[in-house]
Amino acid sequence: MRMAQTSTWQTIELNGQNYQVEQITASTWTATPPAGRPNSASQSVAMVKAIEKASGCKVTDSSLGRHGTTLNAQVDCGSRLKN
């Protein structure tokens, strides 16, 4: 029997668009674009920014997952972002 996992998704607003961001491990995050938005290079950049905004850490590596509908990223919290 599998236990239900509580969702820890956060909504991050960037330029009027809502991105869903979730922390997977201490250094791994995932983000999804606004519903109905096609994947593009600028969308990937926005998902990286959403992860950095939610985590307060710098994204050091990322890749598209789930057929391009999510962005998985590694963060370095030793290199905290300056706001």
PDB file of N, CA and C in Angstrom:
ATOM      1  N   MET A   1       0.836  -1.183   0.000  1.00  0.00           N
ATOM      2  CA  MET A   1       0.000   0.000   0.000  1.00  0.00           C
ATOM      3  C   MET A   1       0.875   1.239   0.000  1.00  0.00           C
ATOM      4  N   ARG A   2       0.583   2.150  -0.898  1.00  0.00           N
ATOM      5  CA  ARG A   2       1.360   3.382  -1.019  1.00  0.00           C
ATOM      6  C   ARG A   2       0.725   4.487  -0.193  1.00  0.00           C
ATOM      7  N   MET A   3       1.583   5.234   0.491  1.00  0.00           N
ATOM      8  CA  MET A   3       1.099   6.362   1.290  1.00  0.00           C
ATOM      9  C   MET A   3       0.926   7.564   0.371  1.00  0.00           C
ATOM     10  N   ALA A   4      -0.115   8.336   0.593  1.00  0.00           N
ATOM     11  CA  ALA A   4      -0.326   9.559  -0.178  1.00  0.00           C
ATOM     12  C   ALA A   4       0.715  10.580   0.230  1.00  0.00           C
ATOM     13  N   GLN A   5       1.296  11.243  -0.736  1.00  0.00           N
ATOM     14  CA  GLN A   5       2.310  12.244  -0.462  1.00  0.00           C
ATOM     15  C   GLN A   5       1.671  13.629  -0.508  1.00  0.00           C
ATOM     16  N   THR A   6       1.986  14.426   0.477  1.00  0.00           N
ATOM     17  CA  THR A   6       1.463  15.788   0.525  1.00  0.00           C
ATOM     18  C   THR A   6       2.195  16.639  -0.495  1.00  0.00           C
ATOM     19  N   SER A   7       1.461  17.365  -1.290  1.00  0.00           N
ATOM     20  CA  SER A   7       2.063  18.223  -2.303  1.00  0.00           C
ATOM     21  C   SER A   7       2.696  19.443  -1.650  1.00  0.00           C
ATOM     22  N   THR A   8       3.870  19.771  -2.106  1.00  0.00           N
ATOM     23  CA  THR A   8       4.570  20.945  -1.591  1.00  0.00           C
ATOM     24  C   THR A   8       4.786  21.966  -2.702  1.00  0.00           C
ATOM     25  N   TRP A   9       3.913  21.933  -3.700  1.00  0.00           N
ATOM     26  CA  TRP A   9       4.017  22.861  -4.812  1.00  0.00           C
ATOM     27  C   TRP A   9       3.783  24.284  -4.336  1.00  0.00           C
ATOM     28  N   GLN A  10       4.585  25.199  -4.852  1.00  0.00           N
ATOM     29  CA  GLN A  10       4.417  26.624  -4.591  1.00  0.00           C
ATOM     30  C   GLN A  10       4.073  27.297  -5.912  1.00  0.00           C
ATOM     31  N   THR A  11       3.280  28.335  -5.869  1.00  0.00           N
ATOM     32  CA  THR A  11       2.998  29.122  -7.061  1.00  0.00           C
ATOM     33  C   THR A  11       3.890  30.347  -7.034  1.00  0.00           C
ATOM     34  N   ILE A  12       4.679  30.516  -8.085  1.00  0.00           N
ATOM     35  CA  ILE A  12       5.587  31.644  -8.218  1.00  0.00           C
ATOM     36  C   ILE A  12       5.132  32.484  -9.404  1.00  0.00           C
ATOM     37  N   GLU A  13       4.912  33.768  -9.179  1.00  0.00           N
ATOM     38  CA  GLU A  13       4.460  34.667 -10.239  1.00  0.00           C
ATOM     39  C   GLU A  13       5.650  35.407 -10.839  1.00  0.00           C
ATOM     40  N   LEU A  14       5.776  35.335 -12.151  1.00  0.00           N
ATOM     41  CA  LEU A  14       6.811  36.059 -12.898  1.00  0.00           C
ATOM     42  C   LEU A  14       6.151  36.697 -14.111  1.00  0.00           C
ATOM     43  N   ASN A  15       6.269  37.979 -14.244  1.00  0.00           N
ATOM     44  CA  ASN A  15       5.722  38.694 -15.396  1.00  0.00           C
ATOM     45  C   ASN A  15       4.254  38.363 -15.663  1.00  0.00           C
ATOM     46  N   GLY A  16       3.468  38.269 -14.596  1.00  0.00           N
ATOM     47  CA  GLY A  16       2.047  38.010 -14.749  1.00  0.00           C
ATOM     48  C   GLY A  16       1.678  36.567 -15.018  1.00  0.00           C
ATOM     49  N   GLN A  17       2.653  35.665 -15.028  1.00  0.00           N
ATOM     50  CA  GLN A  17       2.398  34.243 -15.274  1.00  0.00           C
ATOM     51  C   GLN A  17       2.705  33.457 -14.004  1.00  0.00           C
ATOM     52  N   ASN A  18       1.883  32.440 -13.705  1.00  0.00           N
ATOM     53  CA  ASN A  18       2.091  31.603 -12.525  1.00  0.00           C
ATOM     54  C   ASN A  18       2.794  30.312 -12.893  1.00  0.00           C
ATOM     55  N   TYR A  19       3.911  30.041 -12.233  1.00  0.00           N
ATOM     56  CA  TYR A  19       4.684  28.820 -12.406  1.00  0.00           C
ATOM     57  C   TYR A  19       4.541  27.990 -11.146  1.00  0.00           C
ATOM     58  N   GLN A  20       4.436  26.685 -11.294  1.00  0.00           N
ATOM     59  CA  GLN A  20       4.362  25.777 -10.157  1.00  0.00           C
ATOM     60  C   GLN A  20       5.770  25.235  -9.910  1.00  0.00           C
ATOM     61  N   VAL A  21       6.237  25.356  -8.672  1.00  0.00           N
ATOM     62  CA  VAL A  21       7.598  24.954  -8.311  1.00  0.00           C
ATOM     63  C   VAL A  21       7.526  24.049  -7.088  1.00  0.00           C
ATOM     64  N   GLU A  22       8.343  22.983  -7.094  1.00  0.00           N
ATOM     65  CA  GLU A  22       8.370  22.064  -5.961  1.00  0.00           C
ATOM     66  C   GLU A  22       9.798  21.645  -5.659  1.00  0.00           C
ATOM     67  N   GLN A  23      10.125  21.608  -4.363  1.00  0.00           N
ATOM     68  CA  GLN A  23      11.425  21.110  -3.937  1.00  0.00           C
ATOM     69  C   GLN A  23      11.331  19.600  -3.809  1.00  0.00           C
ATOM     70  N   ILE A  24      12.252  18.879  -4.482  1.00  0.00           N
ATOM     71  CA  ILE A  24      12.249  17.424  -4.471  1.00  0.00           C
ATOM     72  C   ILE A  24      13.211  16.903  -3.400  1.00  0.00           C
ATOM     73  N   THR A  25      14.440  17.431  -3.398  1.00  0.00           N
ATOM     74  CA  THR A  25      15.444  17.115  -2.376  1.00  0.00           C
ATOM     75  C   THR A  25      16.064  18.441  -1.955  1.00  0.00           C
ATOM     76  N   ALA A  26      17.056  18.389  -1.085  1.00  0.00           N
ATOM     77  CA  ALA A  26      17.699  19.615  -0.619  1.00  0.00           C
ATOM     78  C   ALA A  26      18.278  20.432  -1.774  1.00  0.00           C
ATOM     79  N   SER A  27      18.706  19.750  -2.840  1.00  0.00           N
ATOM     80  CA  SER A  27      19.331  20.479  -3.942  1.00  0.00           C
ATOM     81  C   SER A  27      18.646  20.259  -5.297  1.00  0.00           C
ATOM     82  N   THR A  28      17.470  19.642  -5.310  1.00  0.00           N
ATOM     83  CA  THR A  28      16.764  19.376  -6.563  1.00  0.00           C
ATOM     84  C   THR A  28      15.361  19.974  -6.510  1.00  0.00           C
ATOM     85  N   TRP A  29      15.021  20.728  -7.539  1.00  0.00           N
ATOM     86  CA  TRP A  29      13.712  21.362  -7.661  1.00  0.00           C
ATOM     87  C   TRP A  29      13.131  21.052  -9.030  1.00  0.00           C
ATOM     88  N   THR A  30      11.824  21.185  -9.160  1.00  0.00           N
ATOM     89  CA  THR A  30      11.156  21.027 -10.444  1.00  0.00           C
ATOM     90  C   THR A  30      10.159  22.172 -10.621  1.00  0.00           C
ATOM     91  N   ALA A  31       9.927  22.551 -11.860  1.00  0.00           N
ATOM     92  CA  ALA A  31       8.982  23.631 -12.161  1.00  0.00           C
ATOM     93  C   ALA A  31       8.156  23.260 -13.379  1.00  0.00           C
ATOM     94  N   THR A  32       6.917  23.743 -13.394  1.00  0.00           N
ATOM     95  CA  THR A  32       6.051  23.572 -14.558  1.00  0.00           C
ATOM     96  C   THR A  32       5.595  24.950 -15.017  1.00  0.00           C
ATOM     97  N   PRO A  33       5.421  25.117 -16.333  1.00  0.00           N
ATOM     98  CA  PRO A  33       5.002  26.410 -16.867  1.00  0.00           C
ATOM     99  C   PRO A  33       3.510  26.641 -16.645  1.00  0.00           C
ATOM    100  N   PRO A  34       3.063  27.858 -16.894  1.00  0.00           N
ATOM    101  CA  PRO A  34       1.618  28.130 -16.800  1.00  0.00           C
ATOM    102  C   PRO A  34       0.851  27.197 -17.728  1.00  0.00           C
ATOM    103  N   ALA A  35      -0.338  26.810 -17.326  1.00  0.00           N
ATOM    104  CA  ALA A  35      -1.167  25.897 -18.124  1.00  0.00           C
ATOM    105  C   ALA A  35      -1.403  26.462 -19.520  1.00  0.00           C
ATOM    106  N   GLY A  36      -1.301  25.587 -20.499  1.00  0.00           N
ATOM    107  CA  GLY A  36      -1.589  25.979 -21.867  1.00  0.00           C
ATOM    108  C   GLY A  36      -0.472  26.741 -22.560  1.00  0.00           C
ATOM    109  N   ARG A  37       0.678  26.877 -21.895  1.00  0.00           N
ATOM    110  CA  ARG A  37       1.792  27.598 -22.511  1.00  0.00           C
ATOM    111  C   ARG A  37       2.725  26.603 -23.195  1.00  0.00           C
ATOM    112  N   PRO A  38       3.034  26.812 -24.462  1.00  0.00           N
ATOM    113  CA  PRO A  38       3.952  25.894 -25.140  1.00  0.00           C
ATOM    114  C   PRO A  38       5.377  26.060 -24.610  1.00  0.00           C
ATOM    115  N   ASN A  39       6.141  24.978 -24.656  1.00  0.00           N
ATOM    116  CA  ASN A  39       7.519  25.043 -24.205  1.00  0.00           C
ATOM    117  C   ASN A  39       8.354  25.802 -25.234  1.00  0.00           C
ATOM    118  N   SER A  40       9.211  26.647 -24.743  1.00  0.00           N
ATOM    119  CA  SER A  40      10.124  27.396 -25.601  1.00  0.00           C
ATOM    120  C   SER A  40      11.378  27.701 -24.795  1.00  0.00           C
ATOM    121  N   ALA A  41      12.396  28.214 -25.454  1.00  0.00           N
ATOM    122  CA  ALA A  41      13.627  28.563 -24.751  1.00  0.00           C
ATOM    123  C   ALA A  41      13.349  29.610 -23.677  1.00  0.00           C
ATOM    124  N   SER A  42      12.519  30.600 -23.993  1.00  0.00           N
ATOM    125  CA  SER A  42      12.221  31.632 -23.007  1.00  0.00           C
ATOM    126  C   SER A  42      11.414  31.064 -21.846  1.00  0.00           C
ATOM    127  N   GLN A  43      10.599  30.059 -22.114  1.00  0.00           N
ATOM    128  CA  GLN A  43       9.833  29.407 -21.055  1.00  0.00           C
ATOM    129  C   GLN A  43      10.781  28.671 -20.111  1.00  0.00           C
ATOM    130  N   SER A  44      11.804  28.010 -20.649  1.00  0.00           N
ATOM    131  CA  SER A  44      12.791  27.319 -19.818  1.00  0.00           C
ATOM    132  C   SER A  44      13.537  28.314 -18.935  1.00  0.00           C
ATOM    133  N   VAL A  45      13.898  29.456 -19.488  1.00  0.00           N
ATOM    134  CA  VAL A  45      14.575  30.500 -18.712  1.00  0.00           C
ATOM    135  C   VAL A  45      13.666  30.976 -17.586  1.00  0.00           C
ATOM    136  N   ALA A  46      12.388  31.157 -17.875  1.00  0.00           N
ATOM    137  CA  ALA A  46      11.437  31.606 -16.856  1.00  0.00           C
ATOM    138  C   ALA A  46      11.287  30.556 -15.757  1.00  0.00           C
ATOM    139  N   MET A  47      11.287  29.257 -16.114  1.00  0.00           N
ATOM    140  CA  MET A  47      11.172  28.214 -15.098  1.00  0.00           C
ATOM    141  C   MET A  47      12.407  28.191 -14.200  1.00  0.00           C
ATOM    142  N   VAL A  48      13.601  28.433 -14.775  1.00  0.00           N
ATOM    143  CA  VAL A  48      14.823  28.541 -13.961  1.00  0.00           C
ATOM    144  C   VAL A  48      14.681  29.702 -12.985  1.00  0.00           C
ATOM    145  N   LYS A  49      14.208  30.844 -13.456  1.00  0.00           N
ATOM    146  CA  LYS A  49      14.028  32.009 -12.585  1.00  0.00           C
ATOM    147  C   LYS A  49      13.011  31.731 -11.484  1.00  0.00           C
ATOM    148  N   ALA A  50      11.950  30.997 -11.807  1.00  0.00           N
ATOM    149  CA  ALA A  50      10.944  30.649 -10.801  1.00  0.00           C
ATOM    150  C   ALA A  50      11.550  29.766  -9.708  1.00  0.00           C
ATOM    151  N   ILE A  51      12.382  28.808 -10.103  1.00  0.00           N
ATOM    152  CA  ILE A  51      13.055  27.940  -9.126  1.00  0.00           C
ATOM    153  C   ILE A  51      13.998  28.770  -8.271  1.00  0.00           C
ATOM    154  N   GLU A  52      14.761  29.672  -8.882  1.00  0.00           N
ATOM    155  CA  GLU A  52      15.679  30.512  -8.114  1.00  0.00           C
ATOM    156  C   GLU A  52      14.921  31.411  -7.140  1.00  0.00           C
ATOM    157  N   LYS A  53      13.781  31.925  -7.568  1.00  0.00           N
ATOM    158  CA  LYS A  53      12.972  32.783  -6.703  1.00  0.00           C
ATOM    159  C   LYS A  53      12.417  31.988  -5.517  1.00  0.00           C
ATOM    160  N   ALA A  54      11.922  30.788  -5.774  1.00  0.00           N
ATOM    161  CA  ALA A  54      11.344  29.959  -4.708  1.00  0.00           C
ATOM    162  C   ALA A  54      12.406  29.453  -3.737  1.00  0.00           C
ATOM    163  N   SER A  55      13.556  29.059  -4.271  1.00  0.00           N
ATOM    164  CA  SER A  55      14.589  28.435  -3.431  1.00  0.00           C
ATOM    165  C   SER A  55      15.543  29.448  -2.800  1.00  0.00           C
ATOM    166  N   GLY A  56      15.702  30.603  -3.436  1.00  0.00           N
ATOM    167  CA  GLY A  56      16.697  31.562  -2.965  1.00  0.00           C
ATOM    168  C   GLY A  56      18.112  31.117  -3.288  1.00  0.00           C
ATOM    169  N   CYS A  57      18.224  30.116  -4.160  1.00  0.00           N
ATOM    170  CA  CYS A  57      19.524  29.540  -4.518  1.00  0.00           C
ATOM    171  C   CYS A  57      19.742  29.651  -6.026  1.00  0.00           C
ATOM    172  N   LYS A  58      20.993  29.479  -6.436  1.00  0.00           N
ATOM    173  CA  LYS A  58      21.331  29.573  -7.857  1.00  0.00           C
ATOM    174  C   LYS A  58      21.179  28.208  -8.518  1.00  0.00           C
ATOM    175  N   VAL A  59      20.501  28.182  -9.667  1.00  0.00           N
ATOM    176  CA  VAL A  59      20.394  26.956 -10.454  1.00  0.00           C
ATOM    177  C   VAL A  59      21.732  26.731 -11.147  1.00  0.00           C
ATOM    178  N   THR A  60      22.303  25.531 -10.945  1.00  0.00           N
ATOM    179  CA  THR A  60      23.601  25.209 -11.537  1.00  0.00           C
ATOM    180  C   THR A  60      23.486  24.269 -12.723  1.00  0.00           C
ATOM    181  N   ASP A  61      22.376  23.524 -12.809  1.00  0.00           N
ATOM    182  CA  ASP A  61      22.175  22.594 -13.918  1.00  0.00           C
ATOM    183  C   ASP A  61      20.679  22.335 -14.033  1.00  0.00           C
ATOM    184  N   SER A  62      20.207  22.158 -15.246  1.00  0.00           N
ATOM    185  CA  SER A  62      18.782  21.878 -15.428  1.00  0.00           C
ATOM    186  C   SER A  62      18.566  21.060 -16.690  1.00  0.00           C
ATOM    187  N   SER A  63      17.428  20.384 -16.723  1.00  0.00           N
ATOM    188  CA  SER A  63      17.052  19.614 -17.907  1.00  0.00           C
ATOM    189  C   SER A  63      15.533  19.529 -17.961  1.00  0.00           C
ATOM    190  N   LEU A  64      15.025  19.405 -19.173  1.00  0.00           N
ATOM    191  CA  LEU A  64      13.585  19.258 -19.358  1.00  0.00           C
ATOM    192  C   LEU A  64      13.196  17.821 -19.077  1.00  0.00           C
ATOM    193  N   GLY A  65      12.060  17.644 -18.442  1.00  0.00           N
ATOM    194  CA  GLY A  65      11.544  16.313 -18.142  1.00  0.00           C
ATOM    195  C   GLY A  65      10.120  16.199 -18.626  1.00  0.00           C
ATOM    196  N   ARG A  66       9.524  15.032 -18.440  1.00  0.00           N
ATOM    197  CA  ARG A  66       8.129  14.766 -18.809  1.00  0.00           C
ATOM    198  C   ARG A  66       7.764  15.327 -20.173  1.00  0.00           C
ATOM    199  N   HIS A  67       8.507  14.962 -21.168  1.00  0.00           N
ATOM    200  CA  HIS A  67       8.235  15.390 -22.549  1.00  0.00           C
ATOM    201  C   HIS A  67       8.255  16.912 -22.688  1.00  0.00           C
ATOM    202  N   GLY A  68       9.124  17.563 -21.929  1.00  0.00           N
ATOM    203  CA  GLY A  68       9.268  19.013 -22.046  1.00  0.00           C
ATOM    204  C   GLY A  68       8.259  19.820 -21.264  1.00  0.00           C
ATOM    205  N   THR A  69       7.467  19.155 -20.409  1.00  0.00           N
ATOM    206  CA  THR A  69       6.443  19.892 -19.665  1.00  0.00           C
ATOM    207  C   THR A  69       6.909  20.309 -18.270  1.00  0.00           C
ATOM    208  N   THR A  70       8.076  19.855 -17.851  1.00  0.00           N
ATOM    209  CA  THR A  70       8.644  20.278 -16.567  1.00  0.00           C
ATOM    210  C   THR A  70      10.118  20.585 -16.760  1.00  0.00           C
ATOM    211  N   LEU A  71      10.659  21.327 -15.822  1.00  0.00           N
ATOM    212  CA  LEU A  71      12.092  21.593 -15.811  1.00  0.00           C
ATOM    213  C   LEU A  71      12.611  21.111 -14.470  1.00  0.00           C
ATOM    214  N   ASN A  72      13.599  20.227 -14.502  1.00  0.00           N
ATOM    215  CA  ASN A  72      14.236  19.728 -13.287  1.00  0.00           C
ATOM    216  C   ASN A  72      15.566  20.449 -13.141  1.00  0.00           C
ATOM    217  N   ALA A  73      15.874  20.888 -11.919  1.00  0.00           N
ATOM    218  CA  ALA A  73      17.084  21.679 -11.734  1.00  0.00           C
ATOM    219  C   ALA A  73      17.806  21.329 -10.445  1.00  0.00           C
ATOM    220  N   GLN A  74      19.121  21.451 -10.517  1.00  0.00           N
ATOM    221  CA  GLN A  74      19.981  21.338  -9.345  1.00  0.00           C
ATOM    222  C   GLN A  74      20.303  22.757  -8.890  1.00  0.00           C
ATOM    223  N   VAL A  75      20.254  23.001  -7.582  1.00  0.00           N
ATOM    224  CA  VAL A  75      20.558  24.325  -7.063  1.00  0.00           C
ATOM    225  C   VAL A  75      21.755  24.287  -6.140  1.00  0.00           C
ATOM    226  N   ASP A  76      22.459  25.413  -6.058  1.00  0.00           N
ATOM    227  CA  ASP A  76      23.591  25.582  -5.151  1.00  0.00           C
ATOM    228  C   ASP A  76      23.208  26.666  -4.160  1.00  0.00           C
ATOM    229  N   CYS A  77      22.892  26.246  -2.937  1.00  0.00           N
ATOM    230  CA  CYS A  77      22.477  27.222  -1.929  1.00  0.00           C
ATOM    231  C   CYS A  77      23.674  27.878  -1.256  1.00  0.00           C
ATOM    232  N   GLY A  78      24.875  27.423  -1.551  1.00  0.00           N
ATOM    233  CA  GLY A  78      26.088  28.096  -1.074  1.00  0.00           C
ATOM    234  C   GLY A  78      26.296  29.388  -1.867  1.00  0.00           C
ATOM    235  N   SER A  79      25.699  29.452  -3.042  1.00  0.00           N
ATOM    236  CA  SER A  79      25.764  30.648  -3.895  1.00  0.00           C
ATOM    237  C   SER A  79      24.406  31.327  -3.879  1.00  0.00           C
ATOM    238  N   ARG A  80      24.000  31.769  -2.716  1.00  0.00           N
ATOM    239  CA  ARG A  80      22.691  32.430  -2.574  1.00  0.00           C
ATOM    240  C   ARG A  80      22.594  33.608  -3.517  1.00  0.00           C
ATOM    241  N   LEU A  81      21.399  33.819  -4.025  1.00  0.00           N
ATOM    242  CA  LEU A  81      21.165  34.913  -4.952  1.00  0.00           C
ATOM    243  C   LEU A  81      21.140  36.232  -4.198  1.00  0.00           C
ATOM    244  N   LYS A  82      21.628  37.258  -4.830  1.00  0.00           N
ATOM    245  CA  LYS A  82      21.564  38.595  -4.262  1.00  0.00           C
ATOM    246  C   LYS A  82      20.337  39.289  -4.844  1.00  0.00           C
ATOM    247  N   ASN A  83      19.454  39.760  -3.980  1.00  0.00           N
ATOM    248  CA  ASN A  83      18.236  40.430  -4.440  1.00  0.00           C
ATOM    249  C   ASN A  83      18.370  41.906  -4.287  1.00  0.00           C
TER     250      ASN A  83
END
